[in-house]
Amino acid sequence: FFDKAYLSDPKILPNQVRREITTTLSSIPFMTLLTAPVFLMEVRGYSKLTDGMPNGLGFEIFTIFSFLMFTDMCIYWIHRFLHHP
């Protein structure tokens, strides 16, 4: 599970595990505030979700691939931005 020898590394800050857990738990309400409106709009019919595959299998595969690439690139750039002051 968790190797406690890792905590003896000189780069580890005091109470780092507690601080990481606190930061994670405090970010959940913020993420919920961003996600809830999108979910409510989808449930209330403001989306373009369809039943089946009206545009064909090729379009569905392209859409899934495009979505995964877009989100992966966003995560990459956000992560890169976090490393610059």
N, C-alpha and C. Protein backbone atom coordinates (compact mmCIF):
# COMPACT_ATOMS: atom_id res chain seq x y z
N PHE A 1 0.82 -1.18 0.00
CA PHE A 1 0.00 0.00 0.00
C PHE A 1 0.87 1.25 0.00
N PHE A 2 1.01 1.94 1.09
CA PHE A 2 1.78 3.18 1.14
C PHE A 2 3.10 2.94 1.83
N ASP A 3 4.19 3.24 1.16
CA ASP A 3 5.53 3.06 1.72
C ASP A 3 5.89 4.27 2.59
N LYS A 4 5.90 4.08 3.90
CA LYS A 4 6.16 5.20 4.81
C LYS A 4 7.62 5.63 4.79
N ALA A 5 8.50 4.84 4.19
CA ALA A 5 9.89 5.26 4.04
C ALA A 5 9.98 6.46 3.10
N TYR A 6 8.98 6.61 2.25
CA TYR A 6 8.92 7.75 1.33
C TYR A 6 8.86 9.07 2.10
N LEU A 7 8.28 9.07 3.27
CA LEU A 7 8.14 10.29 4.07
C LEU A 7 9.45 10.78 4.65
N SER A 8 10.48 9.96 4.63
CA SER A 8 11.78 10.38 5.17
C SER A 8 12.61 11.14 4.13
N ASP A 9 12.11 11.25 2.92
CA ASP A 9 12.81 12.00 1.87
C ASP A 9 12.90 13.48 2.26
N PRO A 10 14.05 14.12 2.05
CA PRO A 10 14.19 15.52 2.47
C PRO A 10 13.28 16.49 1.69
N LYS A 11 12.76 16.09 0.55
CA LYS A 11 11.89 16.97 -0.23
C LYS A 11 10.46 17.01 0.30
N ILE A 12 10.12 16.09 1.19
CA ILE A 12 8.77 16.03 1.73
C ILE A 12 8.58 17.16 2.73
N LEU A 13 7.52 17.92 2.56
CA LEU A 13 7.22 19.02 3.47
C LEU A 13 6.58 18.50 4.76
N PRO A 14 6.63 19.26 5.83
CA PRO A 14 5.96 18.83 7.06
C PRO A 14 4.45 18.73 6.82
N ASN A 15 3.86 17.66 7.30
CA ASN A 15 2.41 17.41 7.14
C ASN A 15 1.97 17.40 5.69
N GLN A 16 2.81 16.92 4.80
CA GLN A 16 2.47 16.96 3.37
C GLN A 16 1.26 16.09 3.04
N VAL A 17 1.18 14.91 3.61
CA VAL A 17 0.05 14.03 3.32
C VAL A 17 -1.25 14.68 3.77
N ARG A 18 -1.25 15.23 4.97
CA ARG A 18 -2.46 15.92 5.47
C ARG A 18 -2.82 17.11 4.59
N ARG A 19 -1.82 17.86 4.16
CA ARG A 19 -2.07 19.02 3.31
C ARG A 19 -2.63 18.61 1.95
N GLU A 20 -2.13 17.52 1.39
CA GLU A 20 -2.63 17.04 0.11
C GLU A 20 -4.08 16.58 0.23
N ILE A 21 -4.38 15.87 1.30
CA ILE A 21 -5.76 15.41 1.52
C ILE A 21 -6.69 16.60 1.72
N THR A 22 -6.26 17.59 2.50
CA THR A 22 -7.08 18.78 2.74
C THR A 22 -7.32 19.55 1.45
N THR A 23 -6.30 19.70 0.65
CA THR A 23 -6.44 20.40 -0.63
C THR A 23 -7.41 19.67 -1.55
N THR A 24 -7.30 18.36 -1.59
CA THR A 24 -8.18 17.57 -2.44
C THR A 24 -9.63 17.69 -1.97
N LEU A 25 -9.86 17.56 -0.68
CA LEU A 25 -11.23 17.64 -0.17
C LEU A 25 -11.83 19.04 -0.31
N SER A 26 -10.98 20.06 -0.22
CA SER A 26 -11.50 21.42 -0.36
C SER A 26 -11.79 21.77 -1.82
N SER A 27 -11.20 21.05 -2.77
CA SER A 27 -11.46 21.34 -4.18
C SER A 27 -12.73 20.66 -4.70
N ILE A 28 -13.25 19.69 -3.96
CA ILE A 28 -14.46 18.98 -4.41
C ILE A 28 -15.65 19.91 -4.56
N PRO A 29 -15.96 20.81 -3.61
CA PRO A 29 -17.09 21.72 -3.83
C PRO A 29 -16.92 22.61 -5.07
N PHE A 30 -15.72 23.09 -5.33
CA PHE A 30 -15.46 23.92 -6.50
C PHE A 30 -15.72 23.13 -7.79
N MET A 31 -15.23 21.89 -7.84
CA MET A 31 -15.47 21.05 -9.03
C MET A 31 -16.95 20.75 -9.19
N THR A 32 -17.66 20.59 -8.08
CA THR A 32 -19.10 20.34 -8.14
C THR A 32 -19.83 21.55 -8.69
N LEU A 33 -19.43 22.75 -8.29
CA LEU A 33 -20.06 23.97 -8.81
C LEU A 33 -19.86 24.12 -10.31
N LEU A 34 -18.75 23.65 -10.83
CA LEU A 34 -18.51 23.72 -12.26
C LEU A 34 -19.25 22.62 -13.03
N THR A 35 -19.42 21.46 -12.41
CA THR A 35 -20.01 20.32 -13.10
C THR A 35 -21.53 20.32 -13.03
N ALA A 36 -22.11 20.75 -11.93
CA ALA A 36 -23.56 20.66 -11.73
C ALA A 36 -24.37 21.40 -12.80
N PRO A 37 -24.02 22.64 -13.19
CA PRO A 37 -24.81 23.30 -14.23
C PRO A 37 -24.80 22.55 -15.57
N VAL A 38 -23.67 21.99 -15.94
CA VAL A 38 -23.59 21.23 -17.19
C VAL A 38 -24.47 20.00 -17.10
N PHE A 39 -24.43 19.31 -15.98
CA PHE A 39 -25.26 18.12 -15.79
C PHE A 39 -26.74 18.49 -15.83
N LEU A 40 -27.13 19.56 -15.15
CA LEU A 40 -28.54 19.97 -15.15
C LEU A 40 -29.01 20.36 -16.55
N MET A 41 -28.18 21.04 -17.31
CA MET A 41 -28.56 21.39 -18.68
C MET A 41 -28.75 20.14 -19.53
N GLU A 42 -27.90 19.16 -19.35
CA GLU A 42 -28.03 17.91 -20.11
C GLU A 42 -29.30 17.18 -19.74
N VAL A 43 -29.62 17.11 -18.45
CA VAL A 43 -30.81 16.42 -18.00
C VAL A 43 -32.08 17.11 -18.47
N ARG A 44 -32.05 18.43 -18.55
CA ARG A 44 -33.23 19.21 -18.95
C ARG A 44 -33.38 19.37 -20.46
N GLY A 45 -32.53 18.69 -21.23
CA GLY A 45 -32.72 18.66 -22.67
C GLY A 45 -31.95 19.68 -23.48
N TYR A 46 -30.98 20.36 -22.90
CA TYR A 46 -30.22 21.36 -23.63
C TYR A 46 -28.96 20.77 -24.26
N SER A 47 -28.97 19.49 -24.56
CA SER A 47 -27.81 18.86 -25.17
C SER A 47 -28.22 18.28 -26.52
N LYS A 48 -27.24 17.82 -27.25
CA LYS A 48 -27.51 17.22 -28.55
C LYS A 48 -27.26 15.71 -28.50
N LEU A 49 -27.55 15.11 -27.37
CA LEU A 49 -27.41 13.67 -27.25
C LEU A 49 -28.47 12.98 -28.09
N THR A 50 -28.09 11.90 -28.73
CA THR A 50 -29.03 11.16 -29.58
C THR A 50 -29.04 9.70 -29.19
N ASP A 51 -30.09 9.01 -29.56
CA ASP A 51 -30.16 7.57 -29.37
C ASP A 51 -29.60 6.90 -30.62
N GLY A 52 -28.79 5.89 -30.43
CA GLY A 52 -28.22 5.19 -31.57
C GLY A 52 -27.08 5.96 -32.20
N MET A 53 -26.83 5.68 -33.49
CA MET A 53 -25.74 6.32 -34.23
C MET A 53 -26.29 6.89 -35.54
N PRO A 54 -26.94 8.05 -35.50
CA PRO A 54 -27.53 8.59 -36.73
C PRO A 54 -26.48 9.03 -37.76
N ASN A 55 -25.26 9.31 -37.34
CA ASN A 55 -24.21 9.78 -38.26
C ASN A 55 -23.27 8.67 -38.70
N GLY A 56 -23.48 7.45 -38.24
CA GLY A 56 -22.65 6.34 -38.65
C GLY A 56 -21.56 6.00 -37.64
N LEU A 57 -21.04 4.79 -37.76
CA LEU A 57 -20.03 4.29 -36.84
C LEU A 57 -18.71 5.05 -36.96
N GLY A 58 -18.32 5.39 -38.17
CA GLY A 58 -17.07 6.12 -38.37
C GLY A 58 -17.06 7.46 -37.66
N PHE A 59 -18.19 8.17 -37.74
CA PHE A 59 -18.29 9.46 -37.07
C PHE A 59 -18.23 9.30 -35.56
N GLU A 60 -18.87 8.26 -35.02
CA GLU A 60 -18.84 8.01 -33.59
C GLU A 60 -17.43 7.72 -33.11
N ILE A 61 -16.70 6.91 -33.85
CA ILE A 61 -15.31 6.58 -33.48
C ILE A 61 -14.45 7.85 -33.55
N PHE A 62 -14.63 8.65 -34.61
CA PHE A 62 -13.89 9.91 -34.74
C PHE A 62 -14.20 10.86 -33.58
N THR A 63 -15.48 10.94 -33.19
CA THR A 63 -15.88 11.83 -32.11
C THR A 63 -15.25 11.40 -30.79
N ILE A 64 -15.28 10.12 -30.51
CA ILE A 64 -14.68 9.61 -29.26
C ILE A 64 -13.18 9.89 -29.25
N PHE A 65 -12.51 9.60 -30.37
CA PHE A 65 -11.06 9.84 -30.45
C PHE A 65 -10.76 11.34 -30.29
N SER A 66 -11.54 12.19 -30.94
CA SER A 66 -11.33 13.64 -30.85
C SER A 66 -11.53 14.13 -29.42
N PHE A 67 -12.56 13.65 -28.76
CA PHE A 67 -12.82 14.05 -27.38
C PHE A 67 -11.67 13.65 -26.47
N LEU A 68 -11.19 12.43 -26.61
CA LEU A 68 -10.07 11.97 -25.77
C LEU A 68 -8.81 12.78 -26.04
N MET A 69 -8.52 13.08 -27.29
CA MET A 69 -7.34 13.88 -27.61
C MET A 69 -7.48 15.30 -27.06
N PHE A 70 -8.66 15.90 -27.20
CA PHE A 70 -8.88 17.26 -26.71
C PHE A 70 -8.69 17.33 -25.19
N THR A 71 -9.32 16.41 -24.46
CA THR A 71 -9.20 16.44 -23.00
C THR A 71 -7.77 16.14 -22.56
N ASP A 72 -7.09 15.24 -23.25
CA ASP A 72 -5.72 14.92 -22.90
C ASP A 72 -4.82 16.12 -23.13
N MET A 73 -5.03 16.84 -24.22
CA MET A 73 -4.23 18.04 -24.49
C MET A 73 -4.52 19.13 -23.46
N CYS A 74 -5.77 19.27 -23.04
CA CYS A 74 -6.10 20.27 -22.02
C CYS A 74 -5.39 19.93 -20.71
N ILE A 75 -5.42 18.67 -20.33
CA ILE A 75 -4.75 18.26 -19.09
C ILE A 75 -3.24 18.49 -19.20
N TYR A 76 -2.67 18.19 -20.37
CA TYR A 76 -1.24 18.42 -20.57
C TYR A 76 -0.88 19.88 -20.39
N TRP A 77 -1.64 20.79 -21.03
CA TRP A 77 -1.31 22.21 -20.96
C TRP A 77 -1.56 22.78 -19.57
N ILE A 78 -2.61 22.33 -18.89
CA ILE A 78 -2.84 22.78 -17.52
C ILE A 78 -1.68 22.34 -16.63
N HIS A 79 -1.26 21.08 -16.78
CA HIS A 79 -0.15 20.56 -15.98
C HIS A 79 1.13 21.34 -16.28
N ARG A 80 1.36 21.63 -17.55
CA ARG A 80 2.55 22.39 -17.92
C ARG A 80 2.50 23.81 -17.35
N PHE A 81 1.32 24.43 -17.39
CA PHE A 81 1.14 25.78 -16.84
C PHE A 81 1.41 25.80 -15.34
N LEU A 82 1.06 24.74 -14.64
CA LEU A 82 1.25 24.70 -13.19
C LEU A 82 2.73 24.66 -12.80
N HIS A 83 3.59 24.25 -13.71
CA HIS A 83 5.02 24.19 -13.40
C HIS A 83 5.74 25.50 -13.66
N HIS A 84 5.04 26.50 -14.20
CA HIS A 84 5.66 27.79 -14.45
C HIS A 84 5.10 28.81 -13.47
N PRO A 85 5.98 29.65 -12.91
CA PRO A 85 5.50 30.62 -11.90
C PRO A 85 4.59 31.69 -12.48
